[in-house]
C-alpha atoms as a PDB file:
ATOM      1  CA  MET A   1      20.668  -0.726   4.397  1.00  0.00           C
ATOM      2  CA  THR A   2      21.174  -2.936   1.335  1.00  0.00           C
ATOM      3  CA  ASP A   3      18.762  -4.312  -1.227  1.00  0.00           C
ATOM      4  CA  ASN A   4      19.573  -7.903  -0.207  1.00  0.00           C
ATOM      5  CA  ALA A   5      17.390 -10.297   1.801  1.00  0.00           C
ATOM      6  CA  TRP A   6      14.082  -8.534   1.402  1.00  0.00           C
ATOM      7  CA  GLN A   7      11.240  -9.782   3.569  1.00  0.00           C
ATOM      8  CA  PHE A   8       7.793  -9.868   1.973  1.00  0.00           C
ATOM      9  CA  ALA A   9       4.230  -9.756   3.247  1.00  0.00           C
ATOM     10  CA  ALA A  10       1.054 -10.083   1.200  1.00  0.00           C
ATOM     11  CA  PHE A  11      -1.926  -8.227   2.594  1.00  0.00           C
ATOM     12  CA  ARG A  12      -5.637  -7.757   2.060  1.00  0.00           C
ATOM     13  CA  LEU A  13      -7.393  -4.501   2.866  1.00  0.00           C
ATOM     14  CA  GLU A  14     -11.110  -3.944   3.288  1.00  0.00           C
ATOM     15  CA  LEU A  15     -12.486  -0.529   2.361  1.00  0.00           C
ATOM     16  CA  ILE A  16     -14.331   1.376   5.073  1.00  0.00           C
ATOM     17  CA  THR A  17     -14.994   4.385   2.834  1.00  0.00           C
ATOM     18  CA  PRO A  18     -14.626   4.957  -0.922  1.00  0.00           C
ATOM     19  CA  ILE A  19     -11.168   5.685  -2.364  1.00  0.00           C
ATOM     20  CA  HIS A  20     -10.363   8.279  -5.020  1.00  0.00           C
ATOM     21  CA  ALA A  21      -7.059   7.004  -6.425  1.00  0.00           C
ATOM     22  CA  GLY A  22      -6.799   9.916  -8.861  1.00  0.00           C
ATOM     23  CA  SER A  23      -5.332   9.496 -12.315  1.00  0.00           C
ATOM     24  CA  TRP A  24      -6.316  12.402 -14.582  1.00  0.00           C
ATOM     25  CA  ARG A  25      -9.145  14.656 -15.710  1.00  0.00           C
ATOM     26  CA  ALA A  26     -11.171  13.612 -18.743  1.00  0.00           C
ATOM     27  CA  GLY A  27     -13.358  16.594 -19.514  1.00  0.00           C
ATOM     28  CA  MET A  28     -15.532  17.168 -16.448  1.00  0.00           C
ATOM     29  CA  VAL A  29     -14.600  13.808 -14.866  1.00  0.00           C
ATOM     30  CA  ALA A  30     -11.794  13.459 -12.327  1.00  0.00           C
ATOM     31  CA  GLN A  31     -11.028   9.835 -13.017  1.00  0.00           C
ATOM     32  CA  THR A  32      -9.696   7.273 -10.579  1.00  0.00           C
ATOM     33  CA  HIS A  33      -7.275   4.458 -11.273  1.00  0.00           C
ATOM     34  CA  ARG A  34      -8.828   0.993 -11.458  1.00  0.00           C
ATOM     35  CA  PHE A  35      -6.415  -0.101  -8.689  1.00  0.00           C
ATOM     36  CA  VAL A  36      -4.401   1.631  -5.961  1.00  0.00           C
ATOM     37  CA  PRO A  37      -0.877   2.530  -7.147  1.00  0.00           C
ATOM     38  CA  GLY A  38       2.072   1.668  -4.916  1.00  0.00           C
ATOM     39  CA  HIS A  39       3.160   5.277  -4.521  1.00  0.00           C
ATOM     40  CA  LEU A  40      -0.117   6.117  -2.754  1.00  0.00           C
ATOM     41  CA  PHE A  41       0.841   3.753   0.058  1.00  0.00           C
ATOM     42  CA  SER A  42       4.313   5.305   0.363  1.00  0.00           C
ATOM     43  CA  TYR A  43       2.995   8.858   0.509  1.00  0.00           C
ATOM     44  CA  ALA A  44       0.109   7.956   2.820  1.00  0.00           C
ATOM     45  CA  LEU A  45       2.560   6.350   5.234  1.00  0.00           C
ATOM     46  CA  ALA A  46       4.931   9.337   5.029  1.00  0.00           C
ATOM     47  CA  ALA A  47       2.039  11.717   5.739  1.00  0.00           C
ATOM     48  CA  VAL A  48       1.064   9.832   8.906  1.00  0.00           C
ATOM     49  CA  TYR A  49       4.647   9.360  10.068  1.00  0.00           C
ATOM     50  CA  GLY A  50       5.598  12.983   9.362  1.00  0.00           C
ATOM     51  CA  GLY A  51       2.618  14.188  11.360  1.00  0.00           C
ATOM     52  CA  GLN A  52       3.726  12.127  14.336  1.00  0.00           C
ATOM     53  CA  LEU A  53       7.263  13.512  14.061  1.00  0.00           C
ATOM     54  CA  GLY A  54       5.967  17.072  14.454  1.00  0.00           C
ATOM     55  CA  GLY A  55       4.014  18.003  11.358  1.00  0.00           C
ATOM     56  CA  GLN A  56       6.495  20.545  10.020  1.00  0.00           C
ATOM     57  CA  PRO A  57       7.786  20.513   6.419  1.00  0.00           C
ATOM     58  CA  ALA A  58      11.165  19.187   7.571  1.00  0.00           C
ATOM     59  CA  ASP A  59       9.405  16.384   9.476  1.00  0.00           C
ATOM     60  CA  TYR A  60       7.466  15.319   6.408  1.00  0.00           C
ATOM     61  CA  GLY A  61      10.597  15.483   4.253  1.00  0.00           C
ATOM     62  CA  HIS A  62      12.479  13.277   6.715  1.00  0.00           C
ATOM     63  CA  ALA A  63       9.520  10.897   6.963  1.00  0.00           C
ATOM     64  CA  LEU A  64       9.312  10.526   3.197  1.00  0.00           C
ATOM     65  CA  GLN A  65      13.005   9.693   2.823  1.00  0.00           C
ATOM     66  CA  THR A  66      12.770   7.192   5.673  1.00  0.00           C
ATOM     67  CA  VAL A  67       9.745   5.486   4.133  1.00  0.00           C
ATOM     68  CA  LEU A  68      11.293   5.269   0.663  1.00  0.00           C
ATOM     69  CA  SER A  69      14.421   3.641   2.081  1.00  0.00           C
ATOM     70  CA  SER A  70      12.536   1.242   4.372  1.00  0.00           C
ATOM     71  CA  VAL A  71       9.659  -0.296   2.429  1.00  0.00           C
ATOM     72  CA  ARG A  72       8.473  -0.840  -1.127  1.00  0.00           C
ATOM     73  CA  PHE A  73       4.761  -1.137  -1.796  1.00  0.00           C
ATOM     74  CA  ALA A  74       3.433  -2.973  -4.833  1.00  0.00           C
ATOM     75  CA  PRO A  75       0.295  -1.817  -6.638  1.00  0.00           C
ATOM     76  CA  ALA A  76      -2.823  -3.113  -4.854  1.00  0.00           C
ATOM     77  CA  MET A  77      -5.465  -4.710  -7.065  1.00  0.00           C
ATOM     78  CA  LEU A  78      -9.179  -5.009  -6.554  1.00  0.00           C
ATOM     79  CA  ALA A  79     -10.203  -8.489  -5.483  1.00  0.00           C
ATOM     80  CA  ASP A  80     -12.733 -10.886  -6.957  1.00  0.00           C
ATOM     81  CA  GLY A  81     -12.861 -13.328  -4.079  1.00  0.00           C
ATOM     82  CA  GLN A  82      -9.339 -14.765  -3.831  1.00  0.00           C
ATOM     83  CA  CYS A  83      -8.349 -13.599  -7.325  1.00  0.00           C
ATOM     84  CA  LEU A  84      -7.063 -10.164  -8.277  1.00  0.00           C
ATOM     85  CA  LEU A  85      -8.532  -8.051 -11.070  1.00  0.00           C
ATOM     86  CA  TYR A  86      -6.209  -6.623 -13.722  1.00  0.00           C
ATOM     87  CA  PRO A  87      -6.724  -2.869 -14.325  1.00  0.00           C
ATOM     88  CA  ASN A  88      -6.863  -3.113 -18.123  1.00  0.00           C
ATOM     89  CA  ARG A  89      -7.821  -6.722 -18.798  1.00  0.00           C
ATOM     90  CA  ASP A  90     -10.716  -6.635 -16.326  1.00  0.00           C
ATOM     91  CA  ARG A  91     -11.622  -2.975 -16.818  1.00  0.00           C
ATOM     92  CA  GLN A  92     -15.228  -3.661 -17.762  1.00  0.00           C
ATOM     93  CA  ILE A  93     -15.818  -5.823 -14.679  1.00  0.00           C
ATOM     94  CA  ILE A  94     -14.130  -3.237 -12.438  1.00  0.00           C
ATOM     95  CA  GLU A  95     -16.203  -0.370 -13.818  1.00  0.00           C
ATOM     96  CA  GLN A  96     -19.470  -2.284 -13.470  1.00  0.00           C
ATOM     97  CA  ARG A  97     -18.824  -3.516  -9.939  1.00  0.00           C
ATOM     98  CA  HIS A  98     -16.564  -0.977  -8.290  1.00  0.00           C
ATOM     99  CA  ILE A  99     -16.423   2.459  -9.955  1.00  0.00           C
ATOM    100  CA  ARG A 100     -18.972   5.116  -9.083  1.00  0.00           C
ATOM    101  CA  GLY A 101     -18.985   8.929  -9.132  1.00  0.00           C
ATOM    102  CA  ASN A 102     -20.142  12.005  -7.241  1.00  0.00           C
ATOM    103  CA  ASN A 103     -21.154  15.272  -8.899  1.00  0.00           C
ATOM    104  CA  HIS A 104     -19.674  18.494  -7.536  1.00  0.00           C
ATOM    105  CA  VAL A 105     -20.013  22.149  -8.392  1.00  0.00           C
ATOM    106  CA  THR A 106     -17.930  25.205  -7.562  1.00  0.00           C
ATOM    107  CA  LEU A 107     -19.965  27.918  -5.836  1.00  0.00           C
ATOM    108  CA  GLN A 108     -19.583  31.679  -6.068  1.00  0.00           C
ATOM    109  CA  LEU A 109     -19.777  33.027  -2.533  1.00  0.00           C
ATOM    110  CA  ASP A 110     -20.899  36.509  -3.483  1.00  0.00           C
ATOM    111  CA  SER A 111     -23.941  35.353  -5.490  1.00  0.00           C
ATOM    112  CA  ARG A 112     -24.420  32.042  -3.653  1.00  0.00           C
ATOM    113  CA  SER A 113     -24.867  30.338  -6.988  1.00  0.00           C
ATOM    114  CA  ALA A 114     -23.033  27.802  -9.095  1.00  0.00           C
ATOM    115  CA  GLN A 115     -20.080  29.080 -11.058  1.00  0.00           C
ATOM    116  CA  GLU A 116     -20.728  28.743 -14.769  1.00  0.00           C
ATOM    117  CA  SER A 117     -19.163  25.621 -16.358  1.00  0.00           C
ATOM    118  CA  ALA A 118     -17.908  24.477 -12.954  1.00  0.00           C
ATOM    119  CA  LEU A 119     -19.825  21.192 -12.666  1.00  0.00           C
ATOM    120  CA  PHE A 120     -17.509  18.190 -12.401  1.00  0.00           C
ATOM    121  CA  GLU A 121     -17.631  14.547 -11.359  1.00  0.00           C
ATOM    122  CA  VAL A 122     -15.198  12.739  -9.042  1.00  0.00           C
ATOM    123  CA  GLU A 123     -14.927   9.005  -9.668  1.00  0.00           C
ATOM    124  CA  TYR A 124     -14.190   6.681  -6.774  1.00  0.00           C
ATOM    125  CA  ILE A 125     -13.700   3.025  -5.936  1.00  0.00           C
ATOM    126  CA  ALA A 126     -16.834   2.172  -3.968  1.00  0.00           C
ATOM    127  CA  ALA A 127     -16.579   0.751  -0.461  1.00  0.00           C
ATOM    128  CA  GLN A 128     -19.036  -2.011  -1.373  1.00  0.00           C
ATOM    129  CA  VAL A 129     -19.269  -4.210  -4.455  1.00  0.00           C
ATOM    130  CA  ALA A 130     -22.187  -2.959  -6.549  1.00  0.00           C
ATOM    131  CA  ASN A 131     -23.151  -6.214  -8.270  1.00  0.00           C
ATOM    132  CA  GLY A 132     -21.973  -9.713  -9.139  1.00  0.00           C
ATOM    133  CA  THR A 133     -21.173 -12.685  -6.911  1.00  0.00           C
ATOM    134  CA  HIS A 134     -19.946 -10.510  -4.049  1.00  0.00           C
ATOM    135  CA  SER A 135     -22.649  -7.819  -4.306  1.00  0.00           C
ATOM    136  CA  LYS A 136     -23.111  -5.662  -1.171  1.00  0.00           C
ATOM    137  CA  GLN A 137     -19.936  -7.076   0.375  1.00  0.00           C
ATOM    138  CA  PRO A 138     -17.005  -4.775   1.307  1.00  0.00           C
ATOM    139  CA  THR A 139     -14.528  -4.038  -1.473  1.00  0.00           C
ATOM    140  CA  HIS A 140     -11.158  -5.703  -0.924  1.00  0.00           C
ATOM    141  CA  LEU A 141      -7.695  -4.754  -2.183  1.00  0.00           C
ATOM    142  CA  LEU A 142      -4.877  -7.284  -2.647  1.00  0.00           C
ATOM    143  CA  GLY A 143      -1.410  -5.814  -2.129  1.00  0.00           C
ATOM    144  CA  GLY A 144       2.029  -6.524  -0.763  1.00  0.00           C
ATOM    145  CA  CYS A 145       5.220  -4.895   0.419  1.00  0.00           C
ATOM    146  CA  TRP A 146       8.918  -5.654   0.690  1.00  0.00           C
ATOM    147  CA  PHE A 147      10.918  -4.520   3.730  1.00  0.00           C
ATOM    148  CA  HIS A 148      14.062  -5.195   5.740  1.00  0.00           C
ATOM    149  CA  ASP A 149      12.747  -4.574   9.254  1.00  0.00           C
ATOM    150  CA  ASP A 150       9.382  -5.565  10.736  1.00  0.00           C
ATOM    151  CA  GLY A 151       8.216  -1.990  11.106  1.00  0.00           C
ATOM    152  CA  LEU A 152       9.101   1.668  11.245  1.00  0.00           C
ATOM    153  CA  ASP A 153      10.127   3.533  14.399  1.00  0.00           C
ATOM    154  CA  GLY A 154       8.924   0.702  16.617  1.00  0.00           C
ATOM    155  CA  VAL A 155       5.505   0.426  14.935  1.00  0.00           C
ATOM    156  CA  SER A 156       4.674  -2.647  12.848  1.00  0.00           C
ATOM    157  CA  TRP A 157       3.732  -2.364   9.192  1.00  0.00           C
ATOM    158  CA  GLN A 158       0.317  -3.805  10.077  1.00  0.00           C
ATOM    159  CA  GLU A 159      -0.343  -0.925  12.469  1.00  0.00           C
ATOM    160  CA  TRP A 160       0.832   1.657   9.934  1.00  0.00           C
ATOM    161  CA  LEU A 161      -1.533   0.226   7.301  1.00  0.00           C
ATOM    162  CA  GLY A 162      -4.418   0.744   9.688  1.00  0.00           C
ATOM    163  CA  GLN A 163      -3.558   4.441  10.082  1.00  0.00           C
ATOM    164  CA  MET A 164      -3.088   5.381   6.421  1.00  0.00           C
ATOM    165  CA  ILE A 165      -5.581   7.418   4.415  1.00  0.00           C
ATOM    166  CA  LEU A 166      -5.292   6.372   0.772  1.00  0.00           C
ATOM    167  CA  GLY A 167      -6.348   8.562  -2.106  1.00  0.00           C
ATOM    168  CA  GLY A 168      -6.747  12.284  -2.629  1.00  0.00           C
ATOM    169  CA  GLU A 169     -10.049  13.072  -0.929  1.00  0.00           C
ATOM    170  CA  GLY A 170      -9.251  12.654   2.757  1.00  0.00           C
ATOM    171  CA  LYS A 171     -11.057  15.881   3.654  1.00  0.00           C
ATOM    172  CA  ILE A 172     -14.428  14.282   2.846  1.00  0.00           C
ATOM    173  CA  GLY A 173     -13.632  10.988   4.551  1.00  0.00           C
ATOM    174  CA  TYR A 174     -12.437   8.988   1.549  1.00  0.00           C
ATOM    175  CA  GLY A 175      -9.487   6.609   1.662  1.00  0.00           C
ATOM    176  CA  ARG A 176     -10.042   4.726   4.922  1.00  0.00           C
ATOM    177  CA  CYS A 177      -9.506   0.995   5.097  1.00  0.00           C
ATOM    178  CA  ARG A 178      -8.761  -1.806   7.543  1.00  0.00           C
ATOM    179  CA  LEU A 179      -6.237  -4.606   7.350  1.00  0.00           C
ATOM    180  CA  VAL A 180      -7.970  -7.999   7.271  1.00  0.00           C
ATOM    181  CA  GLU A 181      -5.087 -10.292   6.235  1.00  0.00           C
ATOM    182  CA  TRP A 182      -1.319 -10.046   6.708  1.00  0.00           C
ATOM    183  CA  ASP A 183       0.760 -12.962   5.439  1.00  0.00           C
ATOM    184  CA  LYS A 184       4.410 -12.393   6.248  1.00  0.00           C
ATOM    185  CA  GLY A 185       6.608 -14.770   4.307  1.00  0.00           C
ATOM    186  CA  ALA A 186       3.926 -15.489   1.706  1.00  0.00           C
ATOM    187  CA  LEU A 187       5.337 -17.632  -1.081  1.00  0.00           C
ATOM    188  CA  SER A 188       3.382 -15.892  -3.856  1.00  0.00           C
ATOM    189  CA  PHE A 189       1.883 -12.507  -4.701  1.00  0.00           C
ATOM    190  CA  HIS A 190      -1.769 -13.551  -4.394  1.00  0.00           C
ATOM    191  CA  GLY A 191      -1.190 -16.504  -6.698  1.00  0.00           C
ATOM    192  CA  LEU A 192       0.430 -14.395  -9.415  1.00  0.00           C
ATOM    193  CA  GLY A 193       4.037 -15.576  -9.124  1.00  0.00           C
ATOM    194  CA  ASN A 194       6.510 -16.910  -6.599  1.00  0.00           C
ATOM    195  CA  ILE A 195       8.303 -14.638  -4.169  1.00  0.00           C
ATOM    196  CA  HIS A 196      12.026 -14.812  -4.790  1.00  0.00           C
ATOM    197  CA  GLN A 197      14.596 -13.662  -2.200  1.00  0.00           C
ATOM    198  CA  ASN A 198      14.827 -10.325  -4.007  1.00  0.00           C
ATOM    199  CA  GLY A 199      11.341  -9.862  -5.411  1.00  0.00           C
ATOM    200  CA  LEU A 200       8.477 -11.335  -7.438  1.00  0.00           C
ATOM    201  CA  SER A 201       9.530 -14.062  -9.854  1.00  0.00           C
ATOM    202  CA  LEU A 202       7.440 -14.213 -13.008  1.00  0.00           C
ATOM    203  CA  ALA A 203       7.769 -16.611 -15.931  1.00  0.00           C
ATOM    204  CA  ALA A 204       7.920 -15.517 -19.565  1.00  0.00           C
ATOM    205  CA  GLY A 205       4.477 -15.086 -21.085  1.00  0.00           C
ATOM    206  CA  LYS A 206       2.739 -14.246 -17.817  1.00  0.00           C
ATOM    207  CA  LYS A 207       0.762 -11.015 -17.488  1.00  0.00           C
ATOM    208  CA  LEU A 208       1.902  -8.584 -14.787  1.00  0.00           C
ATOM    209  CA  PRO A 209      -0.991  -6.539 -13.326  1.00  0.00           C
ATOM    210  CA  GLY A 210      -0.543  -2.798 -12.996  1.00  0.00           C
ATOM    211  CA  PRO A 211       2.137  -0.378 -14.239  1.00  0.00           C
ATOM    212  CA  ALA A 212       5.620  -1.659 -15.097  1.00  0.00           C
ATOM    213  CA  LEU A 213       8.714   0.286 -16.145  1.00  0.00           C
ATOM    214  CA  SER A 214      10.631  -2.668 -17.563  1.00  0.00           C
ATOM    215  CA  GLY A 215      10.579  -6.397 -18.197  1.00  0.00           C
ATOM    216  CA  VAL A 216       7.192  -6.537 -19.967  1.00  0.00           C
ATOM    217  CA  GLY A 217       5.760  -5.683 -23.361  1.00  0.00           C
ATOM    218  CA  GLN A 218       2.834  -6.428 -25.724  1.00  0.00           C
ATOM    219  CA  ALA A 219       0.896  -3.441 -24.384  1.00  0.00           C
ATOM    220  CA  PRO A 220       0.900   0.208 -25.506  1.00  0.00           C
ATOM    221  CA  LYS A 221       3.289   2.436 -23.608  1.00  0.00           C
ATOM    222  CA  GLN A 222       1.612   5.265 -21.741  1.00  0.00           C
ATOM    223  CA  PRO A 223       2.823   8.204 -19.619  1.00  0.00           C
ATOM    224  CA  TRP A 224       2.694   7.794 -15.861  1.00  0.00           C
ATOM    225  CA  LEU A 225       2.554  10.796 -13.538  1.00  0.00           C
ATOM    226  CA  GLY A 226       2.632  10.641  -9.766  1.00  0.00           C
ATOM    227  CA  ARG A 227       1.493  13.368  -7.384  1.00  0.00           C
ATOM    228  CA  LEU A 228       4.444  14.091  -5.133  1.00  0.00           C
ATOM    229  CA  TYR A 229       5.333  15.907  -1.942  1.00  0.00           C
ATOM    230  CA  ASP A 230       5.826  19.669  -2.176  1.00  0.00           C
ATOM    231  CA  LYS A 231       7.739  21.372   0.652  1.00  0.00           C
ATOM    232  CA  GLN A 232       5.427  24.398   0.633  1.00  0.00           C
ATOM    233  CA  GLN A 233       2.039  22.834  -0.130  1.00  0.00           C
ATOM    234  CA  GLY A 234       2.330  19.283   1.194  1.00  0.00           C
ATOM    235  CA  PHE A 235       1.558  15.863  -0.263  1.00  0.00           C
ATOM    236  CA  GLY A 236      -0.127  15.451  -3.623  1.00  0.00           C
ATOM    237  CA  ARG A 237       0.606  19.023  -4.740  1.00  0.00           C
ATOM    238  CA  ARG A 238       3.407  18.438  -7.234  1.00  0.00           C
ATOM    239  CA  LEU A 239       3.477  16.285 -10.355  1.00  0.00           C
ATOM    240  CA  SER A 240       6.429  14.041 -11.099  1.00  0.00           C
ATOM    241  CA  GLU A 241       8.194  13.899 -14.409  1.00  0.00           C
ATOM    242  CA  ALA A 242       6.477  11.476 -16.758  1.00  0.00           C
ATOM    243  CA  ALA A 243       7.632   7.870 -16.857  1.00  0.00           C
ATOM    244  CA  LEU A 244       6.636   5.572 -19.707  1.00  0.00           C
ATOM    245  CA  ILE A 245       5.000   2.404 -18.447  1.00  0.00           C
ATOM    246  CA  TYR A 246       3.212  -0.689 -19.687  1.00  0.00           C
ATOM    247  CA  MET A 247      -0.128  -1.409 -18.023  1.00  0.00           C
ATOM    248  CA  ASP A 248      -0.842  -5.127 -17.609  1.00  0.00           C
ATOM    249  CA  GLY A 249       2.117  -6.019 -19.810  1.00  0.00           C
ATOM    250  CA  ILE A 250       3.300  -9.514 -20.741  1.00  0.00           C
ATOM    251  CA  CYS A 251       6.562 -10.715 -19.178  1.00  0.00           C
ATOM    252  CA  GLU A 252       9.079 -10.984 -22.039  1.00  0.00           C
ATOM    253  CA  GLN A 253      11.346 -13.492 -20.315  1.00  0.00           C
ATOM    254  CA  ASP A 254      11.727 -15.034 -16.878  1.00  0.00           C
ATOM    255  CA  ALA A 255      12.324 -12.066 -14.582  1.00  0.00           C
ATOM    256  CA  ILE A 256      12.254 -10.818 -10.996  1.00  0.00           C
ATOM    257  CA  PHE A 257      10.296  -7.648 -10.217  1.00  0.00           C
ATOM    258  CA  LEU A 258      10.243  -5.155  -7.349  1.00  0.00           C
ATOM    259  CA  PRO A 259       8.313  -1.906  -6.934  1.00  0.00           C
ATOM    260  CA  HIS A 260      10.459   1.026  -8.073  1.00  0.00           C
ATOM    261  CA  ALA A 261      11.907   3.106  -5.223  1.00  0.00           C
ATOM    262  CA  ASN A 262      12.760   6.400  -6.949  1.00  0.00           C
ATOM    263  CA  GLU A 263      10.500   9.419  -7.378  1.00  0.00           C
ATOM    264  CA  VAL A 264       9.792   9.010 -11.097  1.00  0.00           C
ATOM    265  CA  GLY A 265       7.791   5.807 -11.468  1.00  0.00           C
ATOM    266  CA  LEU A 266       7.586   5.241  -7.717  1.00  0.00           C
ATOM    267  CA  GLY A 267       5.772   1.993  -6.921  1.00  0.00           C
ATOM    268  CA  CYS A 268       5.683   0.769 -10.522  1.00  0.00           C
ATOM    269  CA  TRP A 269       7.079  -2.700 -11.198  1.00  0.00           C
ATOM    270  CA  THR A 270      10.674  -2.797 -12.396  1.00  0.00           C
ATOM    271  CA  THR A 271      13.107  -5.640 -13.007  1.00  0.00           C
ATOM    272  CA  VAL A 272      15.822  -6.374 -10.464  1.00  0.00           C
END
């Protein structure tokens, strides 16, 4: 399989349950990203596919390699109607309308009481918009993916998207969504820039939403860690090496971008 002649589809997802797209701990708060990173789609797909192959560590390892060589998922942004919200630029809007939190506590089984200093909060992207023009309506995510074939192992990408559980709290029902729009051959990434044969074409001076490894600037560099697959403990149990990324950076010159396909910086924008 070569990197030539990518096919592209833009998609819109509607949240059925909240999503915890974990980023880091800030004191007692387990924060969530203000978007859904591309690597979460790749690992969610590999988890479903590996389970169908047999559910053994070797099956998940094979599934992950197959996914990474077959499809590249872009970061998915929260939607404001037909427009996407930028994680940094629109942070205040996102936090007011979409970010909520649940309080948790660790219990001591022997005393049946709360463990001292064990109270913590888990942030999440709410399944419904809290306020604003679209108040009480389902939260939508705007994403896209590049691929060579129309599906994986005889199953279309649309069907796979409907089976994925995104985020790190699947055990309490978080991370479920439904596909509401699939636009194969879309000419733009949700109005952001034109789709070139090999990726997303963006003009100099345009802002690129989400994390980018190269091709942008005018934003502080920050470390980016992804939770990876561990052969013994499963998905989300190992941290990647840190990549340095720009969040919502400005395109420095006319460039073509694709989601990165390697483990470090997986799913982040990178120039072709």
